């Protein structure tokens, strides 16, 4: 069976200050239905910031291995290419990252007007929150258009 190689060279990856090992590209925002579609790229053999998912996240692994880690940094789960997951909101904090290569994961974030993600420090204190308005602002910055 031929091996499919995903080419992300035409994706205009963005970065967020303070979020090491993470790039993103927002594909679409449907404010009326509270849905954000975004590609996240997590660096190979690295872990992103500790966080919690406060809304439904549907994911599909496009390239690489999507690795999830417990708050202490130990490996929790490996999601291979082609894995689709529907994850309910959870109070359990985790980190994410790539396997031996950068991982590209499609996220469909299904939320409301509230918090989508809580960003935590190593003592589990909330240091930042990201919600619909934050994603709208990032999308406007990414596309150069305002809503």
Protein backbone atom coordinates (compact mmCIF):
# COMPACT_ATOMS: atom_id res chain seq x y z
CA UNK A 1 0.00 0.00 0.00
CA UNK A 2 1.46 3.43 -0.92
CA UNK A 3 2.41 5.76 1.92
CA UNK A 4 0.60 9.12 1.88
CA UNK A 5 2.82 12.12 2.58
CA UNK A 6 1.04 15.20 3.89
CA UNK A 7 2.51 18.43 2.51
CA UNK A 8 1.85 21.39 4.81
CA UNK A 9 4.11 23.83 2.95
CA UNK A 10 1.13 25.88 1.73
CA UNK A 11 -0.36 26.28 5.19
CA UNK A 12 0.38 29.67 6.72
CA UNK A 13 1.35 28.56 10.21
CA UNK A 14 0.98 31.04 13.06
CA UNK A 15 2.57 31.09 16.51
CA UNK A 16 1.44 32.39 19.88
CA UNK A 17 3.87 34.07 22.28
CA UNK A 18 4.38 31.90 25.34
CA UNK A 19 3.19 28.72 23.58
CA UNK A 20 6.39 26.88 22.70
CA UNK A 21 6.35 23.89 20.33
CA UNK A 22 2.94 24.86 18.90
CA UNK A 23 1.85 26.32 15.57
CA UNK A 24 -1.69 26.81 14.36
CA UNK A 25 -3.73 27.76 11.32
CA UNK A 26 -7.39 28.63 11.86
CA UNK A 27 -9.42 27.25 8.96
CA UNK A 28 -12.86 28.62 9.79
CA UNK A 29 -14.95 30.14 12.55
CA UNK A 30 -18.71 29.69 12.68
CA UNK A 31 -19.71 32.11 15.44
CA UNK A 32 -23.43 31.40 15.14
CA UNK A 33 -22.88 27.68 15.83
CA UNK A 34 -19.89 28.25 18.18
CA UNK A 35 -17.48 26.11 16.11
CA UNK A 36 -13.79 26.79 15.47
CA UNK A 37 -11.91 24.60 12.97
CA UNK A 38 -8.16 24.80 13.34
CA UNK A 39 -5.01 22.87 12.48
CA UNK A 40 -2.50 22.50 15.28
CA UNK A 41 1.09 21.43 14.70
CA UNK A 42 2.94 20.11 17.74
CA UNK A 43 6.73 19.77 17.55
CA UNK A 44 8.37 16.35 17.47
CA UNK A 45 9.43 14.98 20.87
CA UNK A 46 8.23 18.14 22.67
CA UNK A 47 5.31 18.97 24.95
CA UNK A 48 3.17 22.08 24.82
CA UNK A 49 1.91 24.02 27.81
CA UNK A 50 -0.25 22.32 30.43
CA UNK A 51 -3.95 22.97 29.77
CA UNK A 52 -7.55 21.79 30.14
CA UNK A 53 -10.19 21.42 27.44
CA UNK A 54 -13.35 23.13 28.70
CA UNK A 55 -15.51 22.33 25.63
CA UNK A 56 -16.03 19.46 23.19
CA UNK A 57 -13.02 18.86 20.91
CA UNK A 58 -13.21 16.61 17.87
CA UNK A 59 -9.80 15.75 16.45
CA UNK A 60 -8.35 13.95 13.44
CA UNK A 61 -4.63 13.14 13.18
CA UNK A 62 -3.35 14.10 9.71
CA UNK A 63 0.40 13.55 10.14
CA UNK A 64 2.60 11.92 12.77
CA UNK A 65 1.65 10.69 16.22
CA UNK A 66 -0.49 12.86 18.48
CA UNK A 67 0.83 12.25 21.96
CA UNK A 68 -1.03 13.19 25.12
CA UNK A 69 0.74 13.48 28.47
CA UNK A 70 -0.41 13.59 32.07
CA UNK A 71 0.25 16.78 34.06
CA UNK A 72 3.48 15.23 35.40
CA UNK A 73 4.78 14.78 31.84
CA UNK A 74 4.33 10.99 31.65
CA UNK A 75 2.83 9.56 28.47
CA UNK A 76 -0.94 9.05 28.62
CA UNK A 77 -1.96 8.13 25.05
CA UNK A 78 -0.67 7.90 21.48
CA UNK A 79 -3.05 8.66 18.61
CA UNK A 80 -1.74 7.50 15.21
CA UNK A 81 -2.41 9.00 11.77
CA UNK A 82 -6.06 8.60 10.86
CA UNK A 83 -7.35 8.49 14.46
CA UNK A 84 -10.57 10.42 15.01
CA UNK A 85 -11.44 11.32 18.59
CA UNK A 86 -14.37 13.10 20.17
CA UNK A 87 -13.30 14.39 23.59
CA UNK A 88 -15.77 15.80 26.08
CA UNK A 89 -14.77 18.72 28.33
CA UNK A 90 -12.52 17.58 31.16
CA UNK A 91 -11.06 18.97 34.36
CA UNK A 92 -8.02 16.71 33.90
CA UNK A 93 -5.05 18.82 32.78
CA UNK A 94 -2.72 17.47 30.12
CA UNK A 95 -0.01 18.34 27.64
CA UNK A 96 0.19 17.40 23.97
CA UNK A 97 3.03 16.90 21.54
CA UNK A 98 4.42 15.07 18.55
CA UNK A 99 6.10 11.70 18.28
CA UNK A 100 9.25 11.22 16.20
CA UNK A 101 8.03 13.86 13.73
CA UNK A 102 5.90 16.98 14.00
CA UNK A 103 2.26 16.04 14.33
CA UNK A 104 -0.55 17.87 12.51
CA UNK A 105 -4.01 17.51 14.04
CA UNK A 106 -7.31 18.93 12.84
CA UNK A 107 -9.38 20.22 15.78
CA UNK A 108 -13.06 21.09 15.58
CA UNK A 109 -13.68 22.99 18.80
CA UNK A 110 -17.37 23.02 19.76
CA UNK A 111 -18.06 25.53 22.47
CA UNK A 112 -20.05 28.47 23.60
CA UNK A 113 -19.16 32.02 24.45
CA UNK A 114 -17.18 30.92 27.48
CA UNK A 115 -13.74 29.43 27.98
CA UNK A 116 -12.46 26.82 25.49
CA UNK A 117 -9.07 26.17 27.11
CA UNK A 118 -7.54 26.93 30.50
CA UNK A 119 -3.75 27.34 30.45
CA UNK A 120 -2.07 26.15 33.65
CA UNK A 121 1.28 26.45 35.36
CA UNK A 122 3.03 23.43 36.87
CA UNK A 123 1.20 23.98 40.18
CA UNK A 124 -2.13 23.71 38.29
CA UNK A 125 -2.96 27.40 38.68
CA UNK A 126 -4.89 28.92 35.76
CA UNK A 127 -2.61 31.48 34.09
CA UNK A 128 -4.68 32.23 30.97
CA UNK A 129 -7.92 31.36 29.22
CA UNK A 130 -8.76 31.11 25.53
CA UNK A 131 -12.33 31.41 24.24
CA UNK A 132 -14.31 32.23 21.11
CA UNK A 133 -13.36 35.93 21.12
CA UNK A 134 -9.65 35.02 21.33
CA UNK A 135 -9.95 32.71 18.31
CA UNK A 136 -11.92 35.33 16.36
CA UNK A 137 -9.17 37.88 17.09
CA UNK A 138 -6.45 35.41 16.05
CA UNK A 139 -8.35 34.57 12.86
CA UNK A 140 -8.74 38.25 11.97
CA UNK A 141 -5.02 38.75 12.54
CA UNK A 142 -4.21 35.65 10.46
CA UNK A 143 -6.43 36.64 7.51
CA UNK A 144 -6.15 40.41 7.74
CA UNK A 145 -9.95 40.66 7.81
CA UNK A 146 -12.24 41.82 10.59
CA UNK A 147 -15.69 40.40 11.24
